[in-house]
Amino acid sequence: MTTDSLPCSVCAAPIRLLPQGWQDGDPLYCEAHQVLQGRDPRLVVPDAIKAAEDDLLGMEPLIEWCLPCLTEMLGYLLRGTVTYGCAFPKNGKTAFLSNNLAFWDAHGVRVWVMPTESRPKGLITRLAAFRAGVSAEEAMSKRLRVRADHGDEDAKAQMVALMREFQAMQQSVETDGCNIAIEPAPRLTRAIFKQSCHAAAAGGYDLVVVDHVDHIGGDASKGESGYSASEAVQYDALEFAETYDVAVLLMSQLNTSRVANDPLFRYKRPITDWVWMKGVKDQIAATMFGIYRPMQADLDDKLLHAVRTGEAESWKVAQPNTMGIASMLSRFNGSRPDRTLALGYQDGVVRDRDHADALADYASSHGIWTGGPSERPRRRVA
């Protein structure tokens, strides 16, 4: 070997022509071992060990859900991973998300939100209404304003509370900055999604939320369909989460074709087979859960038949004031996908059920009759 050459890091063969940009101390590879460039286990494994140690001992605050029982079942929203929350349309995604956004904001979790079904004002109205204890639907539909204008004292008090909350949010932005940021683009495409993610990383946000990921538009100039754009965005989300060590929550819709011929489907515990783009989401998700309205036990066959034939409204089969959460996939705990949780839900607020409620939920979900003998129906439908 001459003084003008350096040895290959693997076989010590002399290398006379150094790669462009090479610096003293960098590994060198001869032509036979060039494939190891960037893959050398002597470099990759030590780097991975250091990253694993940093991840395990990292001091970043853990991101919890709004209720301890949710965190216990679903686990934390982990940085570097993607979580999916799935539901049929109009079945609780927005209400669930509003409760958690208010909780994260109050606990200093910085959240970057990309709403695909509303403008920023819609999300702000929902958040303010939740904080003020006002129905967001009443406010956004203008019914609250009309009632107040016609002298309804309760509506007037709610309007005052809502405006006070808007002012408090404005003051918080001006003095403390913003824990919740909202992507302002009226239509989310793959390009805008990537730009928005990079902005979230640059701003130091802890969590990125998309509501919902199946509502991403394709780029017509490139002949891109909405389906292919949504599929690509989900892989982009995983790459973003892993690259920038940010948690990502993608809200998603269950496949509505499943309920086309059976209105009772939306009241059953969701499973992964109902997920739109199931194959893609199964690969990407660290955690996947479903949101639904649980069906009552011991329903009369006549009512079930009437609902299926459209003679009765389907909401009559649901457990009142109840939101169901089903763990559908958990990469870090294989026993959790079979678990379900019933939460109390009233006036837009999700709460943990008390002990008596929990026993009733268990009995209902397992077909156990809890009434008196004379009240027992002739047939029970689980």
Protein backbone atom coordinates (compact mmCIF):
# COMPACT_ATOMS: atom_id res chain seq x y z
CA MET A 1 0.00 0.00 0.00
CA THR A 2 1.38 3.41 -0.96
CA THR A 3 1.25 6.53 1.12
CA ASP A 4 -1.24 7.94 -1.43
CA SER A 5 -3.88 5.32 -0.58
CA LEU A 6 -6.03 4.41 2.42
CA PRO A 7 -7.35 0.98 3.44
CA CYS A 8 -10.89 -0.33 2.94
CA SER A 9 -12.64 -0.48 6.32
CA VAL A 10 -13.63 -4.12 5.68
CA CYS A 11 -10.78 -5.86 3.81
CA ALA A 12 -7.94 -3.28 4.01
CA ALA A 13 -7.62 -3.21 0.23
CA PRO A 14 -5.93 0.05 -0.86
CA ILE A 15 -8.21 2.85 -2.03
CA ARG A 16 -6.42 5.54 -3.99
CA LEU A 17 -9.39 7.61 -5.20
CA LEU A 18 -11.20 9.01 -2.18
CA PRO A 19 -14.97 9.71 -2.45
CA GLN A 20 -16.05 13.31 -2.87
CA GLY A 21 -16.78 14.90 0.49
CA TRP A 22 -14.86 12.26 2.44
CA GLN A 23 -13.36 13.51 5.71
CA ASP A 24 -10.62 12.09 7.86
CA GLY A 25 -12.05 9.39 10.11
CA ASP A 26 -14.98 8.46 7.85
CA PRO A 27 -15.13 4.76 6.84
CA LEU A 28 -13.89 3.82 3.37
CA TYR A 29 -15.09 0.93 1.21
CA CYS A 30 -13.51 -0.69 -1.81
CA GLU A 31 -15.60 -1.50 -4.86
CA ALA A 32 -16.37 -5.00 -3.59
CA HIS A 33 -17.74 -3.66 -0.30
CA GLN A 34 -19.32 -0.43 -1.53
CA VAL A 35 -22.77 -1.88 -0.78
CA LEU A 36 -21.96 -1.48 2.93
CA GLN A 37 -21.90 2.28 2.56
CA GLY A 38 -24.48 3.52 5.09
CA ARG A 39 -25.23 -0.06 6.19
CA ASP A 40 -22.05 -1.06 8.03
CA PRO A 41 -23.28 -2.83 11.21
CA ARG A 42 -20.26 -1.54 13.11
CA LEU A 43 -21.76 1.90 12.67
CA VAL A 44 -25.50 1.19 12.43
CA VAL A 45 -25.80 -0.99 15.56
CA PRO A 46 -23.97 1.39 17.94
CA ASP A 47 -26.09 4.27 16.62
CA ALA A 48 -29.25 2.20 17.18
CA ILE A 49 -28.16 1.31 20.72
CA LYS A 50 -27.58 4.97 21.54
CA ALA A 51 -30.96 5.92 20.05
CA ALA A 52 -32.70 3.14 22.03
CA GLU A 53 -31.08 4.32 25.25
CA ASP A 54 -32.08 7.92 24.57
CA ASP A 55 -35.64 6.83 23.76
CA LEU A 56 -35.98 4.73 26.92
CA LEU A 57 -34.50 7.38 29.21
CA GLY A 58 -35.86 10.42 27.39
CA MET A 59 -37.35 13.14 29.57
CA GLU A 60 -40.02 14.33 27.10
CA PRO A 61 -43.47 14.36 28.75
CA LEU A 62 -45.63 11.38 27.88
CA ILE A 63 -48.81 12.19 25.96
CA GLU A 64 -51.85 10.81 27.76
CA TRP A 65 -55.49 10.61 26.74
CA CYS A 66 -58.14 12.76 28.43
CA LEU A 67 -59.17 9.95 30.79
CA PRO A 68 -56.89 7.58 32.75
CA CYS A 69 -58.99 4.59 31.69
CA LEU A 70 -58.29 5.44 28.04
CA THR A 71 -54.54 5.66 28.64
CA GLU A 72 -54.64 2.38 30.55
CA MET A 73 -56.33 0.58 27.65
CA LEU A 74 -54.81 2.32 24.61
CA GLY A 75 -51.41 3.23 26.04
CA TYR A 76 -49.66 6.56 25.58
CA LEU A 77 -49.50 8.44 22.29
CA LEU A 78 -45.87 7.58 21.65
CA ARG A 79 -43.47 9.81 19.78
CA GLY A 80 -42.27 8.29 16.54
CA THR A 81 -45.47 6.26 16.05
CA VAL A 82 -48.82 6.57 14.29
CA THR A 83 -52.15 5.94 16.08
CA TYR A 84 -55.48 5.53 14.29
CA GLY A 85 -58.90 6.42 15.71
CA CYS A 86 -61.71 4.97 13.55
CA ALA A 87 -65.48 5.44 13.47
CA PHE A 88 -68.42 5.45 11.11
CA PRO A 89 -69.50 8.95 9.98
CA LYS A 90 -71.38 10.96 12.64
CA ASN A 91 -70.47 8.39 15.28
CA GLY A 92 -68.31 10.36 17.72
CA LYS A 93 -64.90 11.13 16.15
CA THR A 94 -65.22 14.89 16.53
CA ALA A 95 -66.64 14.74 20.07
CA PHE A 96 -63.87 12.37 21.15
CA LEU A 97 -61.22 14.59 19.59
CA SER A 98 -62.65 17.80 21.11
CA ASN A 99 -62.42 16.32 24.61
CA ASN A 100 -58.81 15.30 24.07
CA LEU A 101 -57.77 18.59 22.45
CA ALA A 102 -59.09 20.51 25.45
CA PHE A 103 -57.23 18.14 27.79
CA TRP A 104 -53.95 18.40 25.85
CA ASP A 105 -54.19 22.18 25.70
CA ALA A 106 -54.77 22.40 29.45
CA HIS A 107 -51.77 20.14 30.12
CA GLY A 108 -49.32 21.93 27.86
CA VAL A 109 -49.19 19.38 25.04
CA ARG A 110 -48.51 21.23 21.81
CA VAL A 111 -50.81 19.91 19.08
CA TRP A 112 -50.78 20.66 15.36
CA VAL A 113 -54.21 19.93 13.87
CA MET A 114 -55.11 19.42 10.21
CA PRO A 115 -58.93 19.46 9.89
CA THR A 116 -60.10 18.17 6.51
CA GLU A 117 -63.84 18.70 7.01
CA SER A 118 -63.91 22.23 8.45
CA ARG A 119 -62.07 25.53 8.44
CA PRO A 120 -60.04 26.69 11.48
CA LYS A 121 -63.03 28.63 12.82
CA GLY A 122 -65.02 25.40 13.07
CA LEU A 123 -62.38 23.71 15.21
CA ILE A 124 -61.99 26.81 17.39
CA THR A 125 -65.76 27.02 17.89
CA ARG A 126 -65.91 23.37 18.96
CA LEU A 127 -63.01 23.82 21.37
CA ALA A 128 -64.45 27.01 22.88
CA ALA A 129 -67.90 25.45 23.18
CA PHE A 130 -66.46 22.44 24.95
CA ARG A 131 -64.63 24.65 27.44
CA ALA A 132 -67.70 26.81 28.02
CA GLY A 133 -70.05 23.86 28.45
CA VAL A 134 -72.08 24.86 25.39
CA SER A 135 -73.33 22.57 22.63
CA ALA A 136 -71.11 23.16 19.60
CA GLU A 137 -73.91 22.03 17.28
CA GLU A 138 -76.28 24.61 18.79
CA ALA A 139 -73.68 27.35 18.34
CA MET A 140 -72.55 26.41 14.81
CA SER A 141 -76.10 25.92 13.52
CA LYS A 142 -77.02 29.45 14.76
CA ARG A 143 -79.87 28.02 16.86
CA LEU A 144 -78.21 29.32 20.02
CA ARG A 145 -77.95 32.84 18.58
CA VAL A 146 -81.59 32.78 17.42
CA ARG A 147 -82.78 31.64 20.85
CA ALA A 148 -80.75 34.38 22.52
CA ASP A 149 -82.14 37.02 20.13
CA HIS A 150 -85.65 35.91 21.05
CA GLY A 151 -85.04 36.48 24.75
CA ASP A 152 -84.09 32.99 25.96
CA GLU A 153 -82.12 33.78 29.13
CA ASP A 154 -80.31 30.43 29.16
CA ALA A 155 -79.22 30.94 25.56
CA LYS A 156 -78.04 34.47 26.41
CA ALA A 157 -75.92 33.12 29.27
CA GLN A 158 -74.42 30.49 26.96
CA MET A 159 -73.60 33.13 24.35
CA VAL A 160 -71.84 35.21 27.03
CA ALA A 161 -69.88 32.16 28.20
CA LEU A 162 -68.88 31.33 24.63
CA MET A 163 -67.72 34.87 23.84
CA ARG A 164 -65.80 34.95 27.13
CA GLU A 165 -64.03 31.75 26.09
CA PHE A 166 -63.10 33.25 22.70
CA GLN A 167 -61.57 36.23 24.50
CA ALA A 168 -59.64 33.97 26.89
CA MET A 169 -58.27 31.97 23.96
CA GLN A 170 -57.19 35.18 22.22
CA GLN A 171 -55.46 36.44 25.37
CA SER A 172 -53.70 33.10 25.79
CA VAL A 173 -52.33 33.28 22.24
CA GLU A 174 -51.06 36.80 22.80
CA THR A 175 -49.38 36.10 26.15
CA ASP A 176 -48.30 32.44 26.15
CA GLY A 177 -48.26 31.45 22.49
CA CYS A 178 -50.37 28.67 21.05
CA ASN A 179 -50.55 25.10 22.29
CA ILE A 180 -52.95 24.30 19.44
CA ALA A 181 -52.06 25.22 15.88
CA ILE A 182 -54.41 24.70 12.92
CA GLU A 183 -53.47 24.12 9.29
CA PRO A 184 -55.28 26.94 7.42
CA ALA A 185 -55.36 25.37 3.93
CA PRO A 186 -59.01 24.85 2.87
CA ARG A 187 -58.13 21.61 1.07
CA LEU A 188 -55.53 19.12 2.28
CA THR A 189 -53.37 17.47 -0.37
CA ARG A 190 -50.26 15.35 -0.02
CA ALA A 191 -47.99 18.32 -0.72
CA ILE A 192 -49.77 20.51 1.85
CA PHE A 193 -49.70 17.66 4.37
CA LYS A 194 -45.92 17.36 4.09
CA GLN A 195 -45.45 21.14 4.34
CA SER A 196 -47.73 21.23 7.38
CA CYS A 197 -45.80 18.39 9.05
CA HIS A 198 -42.49 20.18 8.53
CA ALA A 199 -44.02 23.36 10.01
CA ALA A 200 -45.16 21.35 13.05
CA ALA A 201 -41.66 19.94 13.51
CA ALA A 202 -40.08 23.38 13.11
CA GLY A 203 -42.50 24.80 15.69
CA GLY A 204 -41.65 22.11 18.26
CA TYR A 205 -45.11 20.54 18.39
CA ASP A 206 -45.52 17.24 20.23
CA LEU A 207 -48.47 15.76 18.36
CA VAL A 208 -49.90 16.04 14.84
CA VAL A 209 -53.60 15.24 14.38
CA VAL A 210 -55.40 14.76 11.04
CA ASP A 211 -59.22 14.68 11.11
CA HIS A 212 -59.70 12.70 9.00
CA VAL A 213 -57.01 11.11 6.84
CA ASP A 214 -59.43 9.56 4.33
CA HIS A 215 -60.53 13.03 3.24
CA ILE A 216 -57.26 14.01 1.51
CA GLY A 217 -57.57 15.33 -2.04
CA GLY A 218 -55.52 14.11 -4.99
CA ASP A 219 -53.52 16.36 -7.32
CA ALA A 220 -55.58 16.51 -10.53
CA SER A 221 -52.67 18.02 -12.48
CA LYS A 222 -50.69 14.82 -11.85
CA GLY A 223 -53.62 12.49 -12.40
CA GLU A 224 -53.53 11.52 -8.72
CA SER A 225 -56.72 10.12 -7.21
CA GLY A 226 -57.90 10.86 -3.69
CA TYR A 227 -57.38 7.20 -2.78
CA SER A 228 -53.74 7.11 -3.88
CA ALA A 229 -53.07 10.48 -2.20
CA SER A 230 -54.56 9.25 1.08
CA GLU A 231 -52.54 6.04 0.89
CA ALA A 232 -49.29 7.96 0.25
CA VAL A 233 -50.03 10.43 3.07
CA GLN A 234 -50.22 7.62 5.59
CA TYR A 235 -46.76 6.36 4.69
CA ASP A 236 -45.59 10.00 4.79
CA ALA A 237 -47.07 10.28 8.29
CA LEU A 238 -45.05 7.30 9.53
CA GLU A 239 -41.85 8.63 7.98
CA PHE A 240 -42.48 12.05 9.52
CA ALA A 241 -43.21 10.56 12.97
CA GLU A 242 -40.02 8.47 12.94
CA THR A 243 -37.79 11.19 11.47
CA TYR A 244 -38.85 14.00 13.81
CA ASP A 245 -39.83 11.91 16.87
CA VAL A 246 -43.36 13.33 16.89
CA ALA A 247 -46.57 11.46 17.77
CA VAL A 248 -49.17 11.30 14.99
CA LEU A 249 -52.91 10.66 15.43
CA LEU A 250 -54.87 9.94 12.25
CA MET A 251 -58.63 9.91 12.60
CA SER A 252 -60.24 7.66 10.00
CA GLN A 253 -63.61 6.47 8.80
CA LEU A 254 -64.81 2.90 8.89
CA ASN A 255 -66.00 1.56 5.54
CA THR A 256 -69.60 2.73 5.12
CA SER A 257 -70.33 -0.05 2.63
CA ARG A 258 -70.47 -2.32 5.68
CA VAL A 259 -73.64 -0.61 6.90
CA ALA A 260 -75.35 -0.22 3.54
CA ASN A 261 -77.81 -3.05 4.19
CA ASP A 262 -77.78 -3.21 7.98
CA PRO A 263 -78.25 -0.03 10.05
CA LEU A 264 -77.37 -1.97 13.22
CA PHE A 265 -73.77 -2.38 12.07
CA ARG A 266 -72.71 1.01 13.41
CA TYR A 267 -73.73 -0.04 16.93
CA LYS A 268 -71.47 -3.10 16.98
CA ARG A 269 -67.90 -3.26 18.24
CA PRO A 270 -65.63 -2.19 15.33
CA ILE A 271 -63.04 -4.63 13.99
CA THR A 272 -60.09 -4.05 11.68
CA ASP A 273 -61.88 -5.71 8.75
CA TRP A 274 -64.17 -2.68 8.63
CA VAL A 275 -61.29 -0.20 8.27
CA TRP A 276 -60.97 1.68 5.01
CA MET A 277 -57.54 0.81 3.47
CA LYS A 278 -57.10 -1.90 6.09
CA GLY A 279 -53.88 -3.32 4.60
CA VAL A 280 -52.11 0.04 4.64
CA LYS A 281 -53.24 1.01 8.13
CA ASP A 282 -52.38 -2.39 9.62
CA GLN A 283 -48.79 -1.89 8.45
CA ILE A 284 -48.47 1.66 9.76
CA ALA A 285 -50.41 1.68 13.03
CA ALA A 286 -48.78 1.21 16.41
CA THR A 287 -52.26 1.48 17.94
CA MET A 288 -55.72 1.43 16.38
CA PHE A 289 -59.01 1.93 18.18
CA GLY A 290 -62.65 2.26 17.22
CA ILE A 291 -65.28 4.72 18.44
CA TYR A 292 -68.89 3.58 18.41
CA ARG A 293 -72.25 3.71 20.18
CA PRO A 294 -72.76 0.39 21.98
CA MET A 295 -76.01 -1.45 21.43
CA GLN A 296 -78.26 -2.29 24.35
CA ALA A 297 -78.53 -5.91 25.42
CA ASP A 298 -81.86 -7.73 25.71
CA LEU A 299 -83.41 -5.91 22.77
CA ASP A 300 -86.77 -7.05 21.52
CA ASP A 301 -86.75 -8.86 18.16
CA LYS A 302 -89.58 -6.69 16.89
CA LEU A 303 -87.55 -3.52 17.48
CA LEU A 304 -84.51 -4.99 15.75
CA HIS A 305 -86.63 -5.99 12.76
CA ALA A 306 -88.25 -2.55 12.63
CA VAL A 307 -84.85 -0.84 12.64
CA ARG A 308 -83.52 -3.11 9.88
CA THR A 309 -86.57 -2.45 7.70
CA GLY A 310 -86.51 1.30 8.34
CA GLU A 311 -89.76 1.33 10.31
CA ALA A 312 -87.99 2.51 13.50
CA GLU A 313 -85.09 4.88 14.07
CA SER A 314 -81.77 3.12 14.67
CA TRP A 315 -80.76 5.27 17.66
CA LYS A 316 -83.36 3.46 19.76
CA VAL A 317 -81.09 0.40 20.02
CA ALA A 318 -78.11 2.35 21.45
CA GLN A 319 -77.17 2.53 25.10
CA PRO A 320 -78.14 6.07 26.17
CA ASN A 321 -75.41 8.62 26.89
CA THR A 322 -72.67 6.09 26.13
CA MET A 323 -69.59 6.16 23.91
CA GLY A 324 -67.82 2.88 23.27
CA ILE A 325 -64.07 2.59 22.66
CA ALA A 326 -62.70 -0.66 21.21
CA SER A 327 -59.00 -1.49 21.05
CA MET A 328 -58.52 -2.93 17.56
CA LEU A 329 -54.74 -3.19 17.24
CA SER A 330 -51.87 -2.71 19.68
CA ARG A 331 -48.32 -3.32 18.52
CA PHE A 332 -46.91 -3.12 22.04
CA ASN A 333 -49.52 -5.23 23.82
CA GLY A 334 -51.08 -8.05 21.87
CA SER A 335 -53.72 -8.76 24.53
CA ARG A 336 -55.34 -5.34 24.29
CA PRO A 337 -57.10 -5.56 20.90
CA ASP A 338 -59.96 -7.57 22.47
CA ARG A 339 -60.73 -4.95 25.10
CA THR A 340 -63.59 -2.47 25.07
CA LEU A 341 -64.45 0.49 27.25
CA ALA A 342 -67.79 2.25 27.79
CA LEU A 343 -67.58 5.96 28.57
CA GLY A 344 -70.31 8.27 29.75
CA TYR A 345 -71.19 10.95 27.17
CA GLN A 346 -73.52 13.89 27.68
CA ASP A 347 -73.65 17.43 26.27
CA GLY A 348 -70.41 16.85 24.37
CA VAL A 349 -68.40 15.78 27.44
CA VAL A 350 -66.83 12.33 27.74
CA ARG A 351 -66.38 10.98 31.28
CA ASP A 352 -65.32 7.80 33.01
CA ARG A 353 -68.17 5.59 34.17
CA ASP A 354 -68.63 5.01 37.89
CA HIS A 355 -68.44 1.53 39.42
CA ALA A 356 -72.16 0.83 39.07
CA ASP A 357 -72.08 1.89 35.42
CA ALA A 358 -69.07 -0.33 34.78
CA LEU A 359 -70.89 -3.38 36.21
CA ALA A 360 -73.93 -2.62 34.07
CA ASP A 361 -71.71 -2.30 30.99
CA TYR A 362 -70.06 -5.64 31.72
CA ALA A 363 -73.44 -7.33 32.15
CA SER A 364 -74.76 -5.75 28.97
CA SER A 365 -71.76 -6.69 26.84
CA HIS A 366 -71.88 -10.29 28.11
CA GLY A 367 -75.64 -10.75 27.77
CA ILE A 368 -76.23 -10.99 31.54
CA TRP A 369 -79.77 -10.02 32.58
CA THR A 370 -79.76 -7.65 35.57
CA GLY A 371 -83.49 -6.97 35.95
CA GLY A 372 -86.13 -8.84 37.93
CA PRO A 373 -87.43 -12.27 36.81
CA SER A 374 -90.82 -10.89 35.78
CA GLU A 375 -89.14 -8.28 33.56
CA ARG A 376 -86.98 -10.73 31.63
CA PRO A 377 -87.87 -10.74 27.92
CA ARG A 378 -88.67 -14.05 26.27
CA ARG A 379 -85.67 -13.78 23.98
CA ARG A 380 -82.43 -11.92 24.47
CA VAL A 381 -80.36 -10.67 21.58
CA ALA A 382 -76.65 -10.12 22.35
